[in-house]
Amino acid sequence: EDCEWGFTDEPDNYKDKANYATAFIGLRHT
């Protein structure tokens, strides 16, 4: 994820980069 937010007229807006991982297991019964 790449984010940039702040004021539209300012050159130094807040920028953020994030990497994330998720793992899951489950059991399904119909």
mmCIF file of all heavy atoms, coordinates in Angstrom:
data_MODEL
# 
_entry.id   MODEL 
# 
loop_
_atom_site.group_PDB 
_atom_site.id 
_atom_site.type_symbol 
_atom_site.label_atom_id 
_atom_site.label_alt_id 
_atom_site.label_comp_id 
_atom_site.label_asym_id 
_atom_site.label_entity_id 
_atom_site.label_seq_id 
_atom_site.pdbx_PDB_ins_code 
_atom_site.Cartn_x 
_atom_site.Cartn_y 
_atom_site.Cartn_z 
_atom_site.occupancy 
_atom_site.B_iso_or_equiv 
_atom_site.pdbx_formal_charge 
_atom_site.auth_seq_id 
_atom_site.auth_comp_id 
_atom_site.auth_asym_id 
_atom_site.auth_atom_id 
_atom_site.pdbx_PDB_model_num 
ATOM 1   N N   . GLU A 1 1  ? 0.843   -1.191  0.000  1.00 0.00 ? 1  GLU A N   1 
ATOM 2   C CA  . GLU A 1 1  ? 0.000   0.000   0.000  1.00 0.00 ? 1  GLU A CA  1 
ATOM 3   C C   . GLU A 1 1  ? 0.882   1.246   0.000  1.00 0.00 ? 1  GLU A C   1 
ATOM 4   O O   . GLU A 1 1  ? 1.860   1.318   0.735  1.00 0.00 ? 1  GLU A O   1 
ATOM 5   C CB  . GLU A 1 1  ? -0.880  -0.010  1.247  1.00 0.00 ? 1  GLU A CB  1 
ATOM 6   C CG  . GLU A 1 1  ? -1.840  1.115   1.330  1.00 0.00 ? 1  GLU A CG  1 
ATOM 7   C CD  . GLU A 1 1  ? -2.755  0.946   2.528  1.00 0.00 ? 1  GLU A CD  1 
ATOM 8   O OE1 . GLU A 1 1  ? -3.656  0.095   2.467  1.00 0.00 ? 1  GLU A OE1 1 
ATOM 9   O OE2 . GLU A 1 1  ? -2.551  1.664   3.515  1.00 0.00 ? 1  GLU A OE2 1 
ATOM 10  N N   . ASP A 1 2  ? 0.535   2.214   -0.848 1.00 0.00 ? 2  ASP A N   1 
ATOM 11  C CA  . ASP A 1 2  ? 1.190   3.521   -0.891 1.00 0.00 ? 2  ASP A CA  1 
ATOM 12  C C   . ASP A 1 2  ? 0.133   4.579   -0.627 1.00 0.00 ? 2  ASP A C   1 
ATOM 13  O O   . ASP A 1 2  ? -0.889  4.615   -1.306 1.00 0.00 ? 2  ASP A O   1 
ATOM 14  C CB  . ASP A 1 2  ? 1.828   3.783   -2.257 1.00 0.00 ? 2  ASP A CB  1 
ATOM 15  C CG  . ASP A 1 2  ? 2.964   2.831   -2.561 1.00 0.00 ? 2  ASP A CG  1 
ATOM 16  O OD1 . ASP A 1 2  ? 3.661   2.434   -1.621 1.00 0.00 ? 2  ASP A OD1 1 
ATOM 17  O OD2 . ASP A 1 2  ? 3.161   2.497   -3.741 1.00 0.00 ? 2  ASP A OD2 1 
ATOM 18  N N   . CYS A 1 3  ? 0.382   5.437   0.359  1.00 0.00 ? 3  CYS A N   1 
ATOM 19  C CA  . CYS A 1 3  ? -0.581  6.481   0.727  1.00 0.00 ? 3  CYS A CA  1 
ATOM 20  C C   . CYS A 1 3  ? 0.102   7.838   0.728  1.00 0.00 ? 3  CYS A C   1 
ATOM 21  O O   . CYS A 1 3  ? 1.272   7.955   1.071  1.00 0.00 ? 3  CYS A O   1 
ATOM 22  C CB  . CYS A 1 3  ? -1.143  6.245   2.122  1.00 0.00 ? 3  CYS A CB  1 
ATOM 23  S SG  . CYS A 1 3  ? -1.960  4.688   2.344  1.00 0.00 ? 3  CYS A SG  1 
ATOM 24  N N   . GLU A 1 4  ? -0.650  8.860   0.370  1.00 0.00 ? 4  GLU A N   1 
ATOM 25  C CA  . GLU A 1 4  ? -0.209  10.238  0.506  1.00 0.00 ? 4  GLU A CA  1 
ATOM 26  C C   . GLU A 1 4  ? -1.416  11.062  0.914  1.00 0.00 ? 4  GLU A C   1 
ATOM 27  O O   . GLU A 1 4  ? -2.469  10.983  0.300  1.00 0.00 ? 4  GLU A O   1 
ATOM 28  C CB  . GLU A 1 4  ? 0.359   10.765  -0.803 1.00 0.00 ? 4  GLU A CB  1 
ATOM 29  C CG  . GLU A 1 4  ? 0.840   12.195  -0.711 1.00 0.00 ? 4  GLU A CG  1 
ATOM 30  C CD  . GLU A 1 4  ? 1.400   12.733  -2.004 1.00 0.00 ? 4  GLU A CD  1 
ATOM 31  O OE1 . GLU A 1 4  ? 1.481   11.973  -2.983 1.00 0.00 ? 4  GLU A OE1 1 
ATOM 32  O OE2 . GLU A 1 4  ? 1.740   13.910  -2.037 1.00 0.00 ? 4  GLU A OE2 1 
ATOM 33  N N   . TRP A 1 5  ? -1.260  11.827  1.989  1.00 0.00 ? 5  TRP A N   1 
ATOM 34  C CA  . TRP A 1 5  ? -2.358  12.684  2.412  1.00 0.00 ? 5  TRP A CA  1 
ATOM 35  C C   . TRP A 1 5  ? -1.806  13.938  3.074  1.00 0.00 ? 5  TRP A C   1 
ATOM 36  O O   . TRP A 1 5  ? -0.670  14.001  3.481  1.00 0.00 ? 5  TRP A O   1 
ATOM 37  C CB  . TRP A 1 5  ? -3.335  11.973  3.334  1.00 0.00 ? 5  TRP A CB  1 
ATOM 38  C CG  . TRP A 1 5  ? -2.747  11.380  4.557  1.00 0.00 ? 5  TRP A CG  1 
ATOM 39  C CD1 . TRP A 1 5  ? -2.535  11.992  5.737  1.00 0.00 ? 5  TRP A CD1 1 
ATOM 40  C CD2 . TRP A 1 5  ? -2.297  10.044  4.724  1.00 0.00 ? 5  TRP A CD2 1 
ATOM 41  N NE1 . TRP A 1 5  ? -1.980  11.127  6.644  1.00 0.00 ? 5  TRP A NE1 1 
ATOM 42  C CE2 . TRP A 1 5  ? -1.827  9.927   6.045  1.00 0.00 ? 5  TRP A CE2 1 
ATOM 43  C CE3 . TRP A 1 5  ? -2.245  8.943   3.894  1.00 0.00 ? 5  TRP A CE3 1 
ATOM 44  C CZ2 . TRP A 1 5  ? -1.302  8.750   6.535  1.00 0.00 ? 5  TRP A CZ2 1 
ATOM 45  C CZ3 . TRP A 1 5  ? -1.737  7.775   4.394  1.00 0.00 ? 5  TRP A CZ3 1 
ATOM 46  C CH2 . TRP A 1 5  ? -1.281  7.682   5.692  1.00 0.00 ? 5  TRP A CH2 1 
ATOM 47  N N   . GLY A 1 6  ? -2.650  14.928  3.154  1.00 0.00 ? 6  GLY A N   1 
ATOM 48  C CA  . GLY A 1 6  ? -2.275  16.208  3.730  1.00 0.00 ? 6  GLY A CA  1 
ATOM 49  C C   . GLY A 1 6  ? -3.028  17.323  3.038  1.00 0.00 ? 6  GLY A C   1 
ATOM 50  O O   . GLY A 1 6  ? -4.162  17.157  2.609  1.00 0.00 ? 6  GLY A O   1 
ATOM 51  N N   . PHE A 1 7  ? -2.363  18.449  2.876  1.00 0.00 ? 7  PHE A N   1 
ATOM 52  C CA  . PHE A 1 7  ? -2.977  19.607  2.243  1.00 0.00 ? 7  PHE A CA  1 
ATOM 53  C C   . PHE A 1 7  ? -2.626  19.639  0.758  1.00 0.00 ? 7  PHE A C   1 
ATOM 54  O O   . PHE A 1 7  ? -1.535  19.276  0.359  1.00 0.00 ? 7  PHE A O   1 
ATOM 55  C CB  . PHE A 1 7  ? -2.505  20.896  2.918  1.00 0.00 ? 7  PHE A CB  1 
ATOM 56  C CG  . PHE A 1 7  ? -2.828  20.943  4.374  1.00 0.00 ? 7  PHE A CG  1 
ATOM 57  C CD1 . PHE A 1 7  ? -1.857  20.728  5.328  1.00 0.00 ? 7  PHE A CD1 1 
ATOM 58  C CD2 . PHE A 1 7  ? -4.125  21.171  4.780  1.00 0.00 ? 7  PHE A CD2 1 
ATOM 59  C CE1 . PHE A 1 7  ? -2.160  20.753  6.668  1.00 0.00 ? 7  PHE A CE1 1 
ATOM 60  C CE2 . PHE A 1 7  ? -4.443  21.207  6.124  1.00 0.00 ? 7  PHE A CE2 1 
ATOM 61  C CZ  . PHE A 1 7  ? -3.458  20.994  7.076  1.00 0.00 ? 7  PHE A CZ  1 
ATOM 62  N N   . THR A 1 8  ? -3.540  20.086  -0.068 1.00 0.00 ? 8  THR A N   1 
ATOM 63  C CA  . THR A 1 8  ? -3.302  20.096  -1.509 1.00 0.00 ? 8  THR A CA  1 
ATOM 64  C C   . THR A 1 8  ? -2.271  21.133  -1.918 1.00 0.00 ? 8  THR A C   1 
ATOM 65  O O   . THR A 1 8  ? -1.622  20.982  -2.937 1.00 0.00 ? 8  THR A O   1 
ATOM 66  C CB  . THR A 1 8  ? -4.615  20.378  -2.265 1.00 0.00 ? 8  THR A CB  1 
ATOM 67  O OG1 . THR A 1 8  ? -5.165  21.599  -1.781 1.00 0.00 ? 8  THR A OG1 1 
ATOM 68  C CG2 . THR A 1 8  ? -5.590  19.254  -2.098 1.00 0.00 ? 8  THR A CG2 1 
ATOM 69  N N   . ASP A 1 9  ? -2.073  22.189  -1.139 1.00 0.00 ? 9  ASP A N   1 
ATOM 70  C CA  . ASP A 1 9  ? -1.156  23.249  -1.545 1.00 0.00 ? 9  ASP A CA  1 
ATOM 71  C C   . ASP A 1 9  ? 0.211   23.170  -0.864 1.00 0.00 ? 9  ASP A C   1 
ATOM 72  O O   . ASP A 1 9  ? 1.033   24.046  -1.035 1.00 0.00 ? 9  ASP A O   1 
ATOM 73  C CB  . ASP A 1 9  ? -1.789  24.619  -1.298 1.00 0.00 ? 9  ASP A CB  1 
ATOM 74  C CG  . ASP A 1 9  ? -2.222  24.794  0.154  1.00 0.00 ? 9  ASP A CG  1 
ATOM 75  O OD1 . ASP A 1 9  ? -2.163  23.804  0.899  1.00 0.00 ? 9  ASP A OD1 1 
ATOM 76  O OD2 . ASP A 1 9  ? -2.625  25.908  0.508  1.00 0.00 ? 9  ASP A OD2 1 
ATOM 77  N N   . GLU A 1 10 ? 0.490   22.133  -0.109 1.00 0.00 ? 10 GLU A N   1 
ATOM 78  C CA  . GLU A 1 10 ? 1.777   21.986  0.556  1.00 0.00 ? 10 GLU A CA  1 
ATOM 79  C C   . GLU A 1 10 ? 2.613   20.916  -0.131 1.00 0.00 ? 10 GLU A C   1 
ATOM 80  O O   . GLU A 1 10 ? 2.113   19.845  -0.458 1.00 0.00 ? 10 GLU A O   1 
ATOM 81  C CB  . GLU A 1 10 ? 1.593   21.619  2.025  1.00 0.00 ? 10 GLU A CB  1 
ATOM 82  C CG  . GLU A 1 10 ? 1.023   22.747  2.845  1.00 0.00 ? 10 GLU A CG  1 
ATOM 83  C CD  . GLU A 1 10 ? 1.005   22.407  4.311  1.00 0.00 ? 10 GLU A CD  1 
ATOM 84  O OE1 . GLU A 1 10 ? 1.619   21.394  4.701  1.00 0.00 ? 10 GLU A OE1 1 
ATOM 85  O OE2 . GLU A 1 10 ? 0.364   23.152  5.062  1.00 0.00 ? 10 GLU A OE2 1 
ATOM 86  N N   . PRO A 1 11 ? 3.909   21.181  -0.351 1.00 0.00 ? 11 PRO A N   1 
ATOM 87  C CA  . PRO A 1 11 ? 4.748   20.184  -1.034 1.00 0.00 ? 11 PRO A CA  1 
ATOM 88  C C   . PRO A 1 11 ? 5.125   18.992  -0.154 1.00 0.00 ? 11 PRO A C   1 
ATOM 89  O O   . PRO A 1 11 ? 5.420   17.933  -0.661 1.00 0.00 ? 11 PRO A O   1 
ATOM 90  C CB  . PRO A 1 11 ? 5.997   20.987  -1.424 1.00 0.00 ? 11 PRO A CB  1 
ATOM 91  C CG  . PRO A 1 11 ? 6.044   22.106  -0.444 1.00 0.00 ? 11 PRO A CG  1 
ATOM 92  C CD  . PRO A 1 11 ? 4.615   22.417  -0.090 1.00 0.00 ? 11 PRO A CD  1 
ATOM 93  N N   . ASP A 1 12 ? 5.135   19.162  1.173  1.00 0.00 ? 12 ASP A N   1 
ATOM 94  C CA  . ASP A 1 12 ? 5.558   18.091  2.073  1.00 0.00 ? 12 ASP A CA  1 
ATOM 95  C C   . ASP A 1 12 ? 4.358   17.410  2.713  1.00 0.00 ? 12 ASP A C   1 
ATOM 96  O O   . ASP A 1 12 ? 4.102   17.544  3.904  1.00 0.00 ? 12 ASP A O   1 
ATOM 97  C CB  . ASP A 1 12 ? 6.479   18.644  3.160  1.00 0.00 ? 12 ASP A CB  1 
ATOM 98  C CG  . ASP A 1 12 ? 7.785   19.158  2.585  1.00 0.00 ? 12 ASP A CG  1 
ATOM 99  O OD1 . ASP A 1 12 ? 8.222   18.597  1.566  1.00 0.00 ? 12 ASP A OD1 1 
ATOM 100 O OD2 . ASP A 1 12 ? 8.346   20.100  3.142  1.00 0.00 ? 12 ASP A OD2 1 
ATOM 101 N N   . ASN A 1 13 ? 3.619   16.671  1.919  1.00 0.00 ? 13 ASN A N   1 
ATOM 102 C CA  . ASN A 1 13 ? 2.508   15.904  2.455  1.00 0.00 ? 13 ASN A CA  1 
ATOM 103 C C   . ASN A 1 13 ? 3.031   14.636  3.116  1.00 0.00 ? 13 ASN A C   1 
ATOM 104 O O   . ASN A 1 13 ? 4.153   14.199  2.873  1.00 0.00 ? 13 ASN A O   1 
ATOM 105 C CB  . ASN A 1 13 ? 1.530   15.529  1.335  1.00 0.00 ? 13 ASN A CB  1 
ATOM 106 C CG  . ASN A 1 13 ? 0.780   16.735  0.845  1.00 0.00 ? 13 ASN A CG  1 
ATOM 107 O OD1 . ASN A 1 13 ? 0.391   17.596  1.616  1.00 0.00 ? 13 ASN A OD1 1 
ATOM 108 N ND2 . ASN A 1 13 ? 0.574   16.807  -0.457 1.00 0.00 ? 13 ASN A ND2 1 
ATOM 109 N N   . TYR A 1 14 ? 2.221   14.034  3.948  1.00 0.00 ? 14 TYR A N   1 
ATOM 110 C CA  . TYR A 1 14 ? 2.595   12.812  4.643  1.00 0.00 ? 14 TYR A CA  1 
ATOM 111 C C   . TYR A 1 14 ? 2.507   11.640  3.674  1.00 0.00 ? 14 TYR A C   1 
ATOM 112 O O   . TYR A 1 14 ? 1.473   11.436  3.036  1.00 0.00 ? 14 TYR A O   1 
ATOM 113 C CB  . TYR A 1 14 ? 1.674   12.591  5.838  1.00 0.00 ? 14 TYR A CB  1 
ATOM 114 C CG  . TYR A 1 14 ? 2.040   11.387  6.647  1.00 0.00 ? 14 TYR A CG  1 
ATOM 115 C CD1 . TYR A 1 14 ? 3.173   11.389  7.454  1.00 0.00 ? 14 TYR A CD1 1 
ATOM 116 C CD2 . TYR A 1 14 ? 1.273   10.242  6.590  1.00 0.00 ? 14 TYR A CD2 1 
ATOM 117 C CE1 . TYR A 1 14 ? 3.525   10.282  8.192  1.00 0.00 ? 14 TYR A CE1 1 
ATOM 118 C CE2 . TYR A 1 14 ? 1.620   9.129   7.325  1.00 0.00 ? 14 TYR A CE2 1 
ATOM 119 C CZ  . TYR A 1 14 ? 2.747   9.152   8.123  1.00 0.00 ? 14 TYR A CZ  1 
ATOM 120 O OH  . TYR A 1 14 ? 3.089   8.050   8.842  1.00 0.00 ? 14 TYR A OH  1 
ATOM 121 N N   . LYS A 1 15 ? 3.580   10.878  3.556  1.00 0.00 ? 15 LYS A N   1 
ATOM 122 C CA  . LYS A 1 15 ? 3.609   9.714   2.664  1.00 0.00 ? 15 LYS A CA  1 
ATOM 123 C C   . LYS A 1 15 ? 3.888   8.476   3.502  1.00 0.00 ? 15 LYS A C   1 
ATOM 124 O O   . LYS A 1 15 ? 4.680   8.515   4.443  1.00 0.00 ? 15 LYS A O   1 
ATOM 125 C CB  . LYS A 1 15 ? 4.676   9.877   1.592  1.00 0.00 ? 15 LYS A CB  1 
ATOM 126 C CG  . LYS A 1 15 ? 4.379   11.019  0.655  1.00 0.00 ? 15 LYS A CG  1 
ATOM 127 C CD  . LYS A 1 15 ? 5.420   11.140  -0.413 1.00 0.00 ? 15 LYS A CD  1 
ATOM 128 C CE  . LYS A 1 15 ? 5.076   12.313  -1.303 1.00 0.00 ? 15 LYS A CE  1 
ATOM 129 N NZ  . LYS A 1 15 ? 6.021   12.493  -2.374 1.00 0.00 ? 15 LYS A NZ  1 
ATOM 130 N N   . ASP A 1 16 ? 3.244   7.382   3.145  1.00 0.00 ? 16 ASP A N   1 
ATOM 131 C CA  . ASP A 1 16 ? 3.375   6.155   3.908  1.00 0.00 ? 16 ASP A CA  1 
ATOM 132 C C   . ASP A 1 16 ? 3.356   4.976   2.954  1.00 0.00 ? 16 ASP A C   1 
ATOM 133 O O   . ASP A 1 16 ? 2.581   4.960   1.997  1.00 0.00 ? 16 ASP A O   1 
ATOM 134 C CB  . ASP A 1 16 ? 2.215   6.047   4.900  1.00 0.00 ? 16 ASP A CB  1 
ATOM 135 C CG  . ASP A 1 16 ? 2.370   4.883   5.849  1.00 0.00 ? 16 ASP A CG  1 
ATOM 136 O OD1 . ASP A 1 16 ? 3.520   4.431   6.043  1.00 0.00 ? 16 ASP A OD1 1 
ATOM 137 O OD2 . ASP A 1 16 ? 1.361   4.437   6.397  1.00 0.00 ? 16 ASP A OD2 1 
ATOM 138 N N   . LYS A 1 17 ? 4.228   3.998   3.212  1.00 0.00 ? 17 LYS A N   1 
ATOM 139 C CA  . LYS A 1 17 ? 4.237   2.748   2.450  1.00 0.00 ? 17 LYS A CA  1 
ATOM 140 C C   . LYS A 1 17 ? 4.125   1.616   3.450  1.00 0.00 ? 17 LYS A C   1 
ATOM 141 O O   . LYS A 1 17 ? 4.769   1.642   4.499  1.00 0.00 ? 17 LYS A O   1 
ATOM 142 C CB  . LYS A 1 17 ? 5.520   2.607   1.646  1.00 0.00 ? 17 LYS A CB  1 
ATOM 143 C CG  . LYS A 1 17 ? 5.635   3.605   0.529  1.00 0.00 ? 17 LYS A CG  1 
ATOM 144 C CD  . LYS A 1 17 ? 6.846   3.328   -0.309 1.00 0.00 ? 17 LYS A CD  1 
ATOM 145 C CE  . LYS A 1 17 ? 6.866   4.358   -1.422 1.00 0.00 ? 17 LYS A CE  1 
ATOM 146 N NZ  . LYS A 1 17 ? 7.395   3.834   -2.636 1.00 0.00 ? 17 LYS A NZ  1 
ATOM 147 N N   . ALA A 1 18 ? 3.303   0.648   3.140  1.00 0.00 ? 18 ALA A N   1 
ATOM 148 C CA  . ALA A 1 18 ? 3.106   -0.482  4.051  1.00 0.00 ? 18 ALA A CA  1 
ATOM 149 C C   . ALA A 1 18 ? 3.067   -1.782  3.266  1.00 0.00 ? 18 ALA A C   1 
ATOM 150 O O   . ALA A 1 18 ? 2.527   -1.836  2.164  1.00 0.00 ? 18 ALA A O   1 
ATOM 151 C CB  . ALA A 1 18 ? 1.804   -0.306  4.824  1.00 0.00 ? 18 ALA A CB  1 
ATOM 152 N N   . ASN A 1 19 ? 3.660   -2.803  3.830  1.00 0.00 ? 19 ASN A N   1 
ATOM 153 C CA  . ASN A 1 19 ? 3.564   -4.172  3.326  1.00 0.00 ? 19 ASN A CA  1 
ATOM 154 C C   . ASN A 1 19 ? 2.915   -5.000  4.423  1.00 0.00 ? 19 ASN A C   1 
ATOM 155 O O   . ASN A 1 19 ? 3.208   -4.820  5.596  1.00 0.00 ? 19 ASN A O   1 
ATOM 156 C CB  . ASN A 1 19 ? 4.938   -4.750  3.016  1.00 0.00 ? 19 ASN A CB  1 
ATOM 157 C CG  . ASN A 1 19 ? 5.655   -3.985  1.929  1.00 0.00 ? 19 ASN A CG  1 
ATOM 158 O OD1 . ASN A 1 19 ? 5.036   -3.420  1.058  1.00 0.00 ? 19 ASN A OD1 1 
ATOM 159 N ND2 . ASN A 1 19 ? 6.972   -3.961  1.995  1.00 0.00 ? 19 ASN A ND2 1 
ATOM 160 N N   . TYR A 1 20 ? 2.040   -5.902  4.039  1.00 0.00 ? 20 TYR A N   1 
ATOM 161 C CA  . TYR A 1 20 ? 1.373   -6.715  5.048  1.00 0.00 ? 20 TYR A CA  1 
ATOM 162 C C   . TYR A 1 20 ? 1.134   -8.116  4.524  1.00 0.00 ? 20 TYR A C   1 
ATOM 163 O O   . TYR A 1 20 ? 1.022   -8.338  3.321  1.00 0.00 ? 20 TYR A O   1 
ATOM 164 C CB  . TYR A 1 20 ? 0.058   -6.075  5.505  1.00 0.00 ? 20 TYR A CB  1 
ATOM 165 C CG  . TYR A 1 20 ? -0.891  -5.742  4.385  1.00 0.00 ? 20 TYR A CG  1 
ATOM 166 C CD1 . TYR A 1 20 ? -1.843  -6.657  3.965  1.00 0.00 ? 20 TYR A CD1 1 
ATOM 167 C CD2 . TYR A 1 20 ? -0.839  -4.514  3.746  1.00 0.00 ? 20 TYR A CD2 1 
ATOM 168 C CE1 . TYR A 1 20 ? -2.708  -6.356  2.939  1.00 0.00 ? 20 TYR A CE1 1 
ATOM 169 C CE2 . TYR A 1 20 ? -1.702  -4.206  2.722  1.00 0.00 ? 20 TYR A CE2 1 
ATOM 170 C CZ  . TYR A 1 20 ? -2.638  -5.122  2.321  1.00 0.00 ? 20 TYR A CZ  1 
ATOM 171 O OH  . TYR A 1 20 ? -3.494  -4.836  1.300  1.00 0.00 ? 20 TYR A OH  1 
ATOM 172 N N   . ALA A 1 21 ? 1.079   -9.044  5.445  1.00 0.00 ? 21 ALA A N   1 
ATOM 173 C CA  . ALA A 1 21 ? 0.840   -10.448 5.119  1.00 0.00 ? 21 ALA A CA  1 
ATOM 174 C C   . ALA A 1 21 ? -0.209  -10.997 6.073  1.00 0.00 ? 21 ALA A C   1 
ATOM 175 O O   . ALA A 1 21 ? -0.265  -10.610 7.242  1.00 0.00 ? 21 ALA A O   1 
ATOM 176 C CB  . ALA A 1 21 ? 2.124   -11.251 5.231  1.00 0.00 ? 21 ALA A CB  1 
ATOM 177 N N   . THR A 1 22 ? -1.037  -11.882 5.556  1.00 0.00 ? 22 THR A N   1 
ATOM 178 C CA  . THR A 1 22 ? -2.096  -12.505 6.341  1.00 0.00 ? 22 THR A CA  1 
ATOM 179 C C   . THR A 1 22 ? -2.131  -13.996 6.008  1.00 0.00 ? 22 THR A C   1 
ATOM 180 O O   . THR A 1 22 ? -1.967  -14.380 4.850  1.00 0.00 ? 22 THR A O   1 
ATOM 181 C CB  . THR A 1 22 ? -3.471  -11.889 5.988  1.00 0.00 ? 22 THR A CB  1 
ATOM 182 O OG1 . THR A 1 22 ? -3.384  -10.478 6.107  1.00 0.00 ? 22 THR A OG1 1 
ATOM 183 C CG2 . THR A 1 22 ? -4.557  -12.412 6.876  1.00 0.00 ? 22 THR A CG2 1 
ATOM 184 N N   . ALA A 1 23 ? -2.360  -14.825 7.012  1.00 0.00 ? 23 ALA A N   1 
ATOM 185 C CA  . ALA A 1 23 ? -2.534  -16.264 6.805  1.00 0.00 ? 23 ALA A CA  1 
ATOM 186 C C   . ALA A 1 23 ? -3.722  -16.712 7.643  1.00 0.00 ? 23 ALA A C   1 
ATOM 187 O O   . ALA A 1 23 ? -3.950  -16.206 8.737  1.00 0.00 ? 23 ALA A O   1 
ATOM 188 C CB  . ALA A 1 23 ? -1.285  -17.022 7.218  1.00 0.00 ? 23 ALA A CB  1 
ATOM 189 N N   . PHE A 1 24 ? -4.498  -17.648 7.092  1.00 0.00 ? 24 PHE A N   1 
ATOM 190 C CA  . PHE A 1 24 ? -5.633  -18.153 7.853  1.00 0.00 ? 24 PHE A CA  1 
ATOM 191 C C   . PHE A 1 24 ? -5.956  -19.578 7.437  1.00 0.00 ? 24 PHE A C   1 
ATOM 192 O O   . PHE A 1 24 ? -5.618  -20.025 6.352  1.00 0.00 ? 24 PHE A O   1 
ATOM 193 C CB  . PHE A 1 24 ? -6.863  -17.258 7.715  1.00 0.00 ? 24 PHE A CB  1 
ATOM 194 C CG  . PHE A 1 24 ? -7.298  -16.985 6.310  1.00 0.00 ? 24 PHE A CG  1 
ATOM 195 C CD1 . PHE A 1 24 ? -8.248  -17.769 5.689  1.00 0.00 ? 24 PHE A CD1 1 
ATOM 196 C CD2 . PHE A 1 24 ? -6.758  -15.928 5.600  1.00 0.00 ? 24 PHE A CD2 1 
ATOM 197 C CE1 . PHE A 1 24 ? -8.653  -17.510 4.400  1.00 0.00 ? 24 PHE A CE1 1 
ATOM 198 C CE2 . PHE A 1 24 ? -7.157  -15.656 4.309  1.00 0.00 ? 24 PHE A CE2 1 
ATOM 199 C CZ  . PHE A 1 24 ? -8.103  -16.456 3.717  1.00 0.00 ? 24 PHE A CZ  1 
ATOM 200 N N   . ILE A 1 25 ? -6.581  -20.288 8.363  1.00 0.00 ? 25 ILE A N   1 
ATOM 201 C CA  . ILE A 1 25 ? -7.068  -21.647 8.116  1.00 0.00 ? 25 ILE A CA  1 
ATOM 202 C C   . ILE A 1 25 ? -8.519  -21.701 8.571  1.00 0.00 ? 25 ILE A C   1 
ATOM 203 O O   . ILE A 1 25 ? -8.950  -20.908 9.394  1.00 0.00 ? 25 ILE A O   1 
ATOM 204 C CB  . ILE A 1 25 ? -6.218  -22.716 8.822  1.00 0.00 ? 25 ILE A CB  1 
ATOM 205 C CG1 . ILE A 1 25 ? -6.252  -22.505 10.334 1.00 0.00 ? 25 ILE A CG1 1 
ATOM 206 C CG2 . ILE A 1 25 ? -4.794  -22.710 8.318  1.00 0.00 ? 25 ILE A CG2 1 
ATOM 207 C CD1 . ILE A 1 25 ? -5.626  -23.631 11.104 1.00 0.00 ? 25 ILE A CD1 1 
ATOM 208 N N   . GLY A 1 26 ? -9.248  -22.644 8.023  1.00 0.00 ? 26 GLY A N   1 
ATOM 209 C CA  . GLY A 1 26 ? -10.647 -22.767 8.411  1.00 0.00 ? 26 GLY A CA  1 
ATOM 210 C C   . GLY A 1 26 ? -11.206 -24.136 8.101  1.00 0.00 ? 26 GLY A C   1 
ATOM 211 O O   . GLY A 1 26 ? -10.594 -24.943 7.408  1.00 0.00 ? 26 GLY A O   1 
ATOM 212 N N   . LEU A 1 27 ? -12.365 -24.380 8.639  1.00 0.00 ? 27 LEU A N   1 
ATOM 213 C CA  . LEU A 1 27 ? -13.084 -25.617 8.428  1.00 0.00 ? 27 LEU A CA  1 
ATOM 214 C C   . LEU A 1 27 ? -14.490 -25.266 7.961  1.00 0.00 ? 27 LEU A C   1 
ATOM 215 O O   . LEU A 1 27 ? -15.157 -24.428 8.572  1.00 0.00 ? 27 LEU A O   1 
ATOM 216 C CB  . LEU A 1 27 ? -13.152 -26.403 9.748  1.00 0.00 ? 27 LEU A CB  1 
ATOM 217 C CG  . LEU A 1 27 ? -13.880 -27.748 9.711  1.00 0.00 ? 27 LEU A CG  1 
ATOM 218 C CD1 . LEU A 1 27 ? -13.065 -28.750 8.903  1.00 0.00 ? 27 LEU A CD1 1 
ATOM 219 C CD2 . LEU A 1 27 ? -14.106 -28.248 11.116 1.00 0.00 ? 27 LEU A CD2 1 
ATOM 220 N N   . ARG A 1 28 ? -14.917 -25.870 6.852  1.00 0.00 ? 28 ARG A N   1 
ATOM 221 C CA  . ARG A 1 28 ? -16.238 -25.590 6.302  1.00 0.00 ? 28 ARG A CA  1 
ATOM 222 C C   . ARG A 1 28 ? -17.035 -26.898 6.229  1.00 0.00 ? 28 ARG A C   1 
ATOM 223 O O   . ARG A 1 28 ? -16.556 -27.910 5.730  1.00 0.00 ? 28 ARG A O   1 
ATOM 224 C CB  . ARG A 1 28 ? -16.099 -24.978 4.916  1.00 0.00 ? 28 ARG A CB  1 
ATOM 225 C CG  . ARG A 1 28 ? -17.403 -24.721 4.241  1.00 0.00 ? 28 ARG A CG  1 
ATOM 226 C CD  . ARG A 1 28 ? -17.276 -23.990 2.919  1.00 0.00 ? 28 ARG A CD  1 
ATOM 227 N NE  . ARG A 1 28 ? -16.134 -24.420 2.143  1.00 0.00 ? 28 ARG A NE  1 
ATOM 228 C CZ  . ARG A 1 28 ? -15.363 -23.578 1.451  1.00 0.00 ? 28 ARG A CZ  1 
ATOM 229 N NH1 . ARG A 1 28 ? -15.610 -22.292 1.470  1.00 0.00 ? 28 ARG A NH1 1 
ATOM 230 N NH2 . ARG A 1 28 ? -14.364 -24.050 0.754  1.00 0.00 ? 28 ARG A NH2 1 
ATOM 231 N N   . HIS A 1 29 ? -18.259 -26.818 6.744  1.00 0.00 ? 29 HIS A N   1 
ATOM 232 C CA  . HIS A 1 29 ? -19.151 -27.979 6.693  1.00 0.00 ? 29 HIS A CA  1 
ATOM 233 C C   . HIS A 1 29 ? -20.499 -27.508 6.124  1.00 0.00 ? 29 HIS A C   1 
ATOM 234 O O   . HIS A 1 29 ? -21.082 -26.544 6.602  1.00 0.00 ? 29 HIS A O   1 
ATOM 235 C CB  . HIS A 1 29 ? -19.373 -28.575 8.097  1.00 0.00 ? 29 HIS A CB  1 
ATOM 236 C CG  . HIS A 1 29 ? -20.249 -29.773 8.086  1.00 0.00 ? 29 HIS A CG  1 
ATOM 237 N ND1 . HIS A 1 29 ? -19.787 -31.001 7.686  1.00 0.00 ? 29 HIS A ND1 1 
ATOM 238 C CD2 . HIS A 1 29 ? -21.557 -29.914 8.405  1.00 0.00 ? 29 HIS A CD2 1 
ATOM 239 C CE1 . HIS A 1 29 ? -20.792 -31.863 7.768  1.00 0.00 ? 29 HIS A CE1 1 
ATOM 240 N NE2 . HIS A 1 29 ? -21.873 -31.226 8.210  1.00 0.00 ? 29 HIS A NE2 1 
ATOM 241 N N   . THR A 1 30 ? -20.961 -28.159 5.089  1.00 0.00 ? 30 THR A N   1 
ATOM 242 C CA  . THR A 1 30 ? -22.244 -27.795 4.483  1.00 0.00 ? 30 THR A CA  1 
ATOM 243 C C   . THR A 1 30 ? -23.335 -28.735 4.987  1.00 0.00 ? 30 THR A C   1 
ATOM 244 O O   . THR A 1 30 ? -23.099 -29.922 5.246  1.00 0.00 ? 30 THR A O   1 
ATOM 245 C CB  . THR A 1 30 ? -22.171 -27.872 2.948  1.00 0.00 ? 30 THR A CB  1 
ATOM 246 O OG1 . THR A 1 30 ? -21.746 -29.172 2.570  1.00 0.00 ? 30 THR A OG1 1 
ATOM 247 C CG2 . THR A 1 30 ? -21.188 -26.851 2.403  1.00 0.00 ? 30 THR A CG2 1 
# 
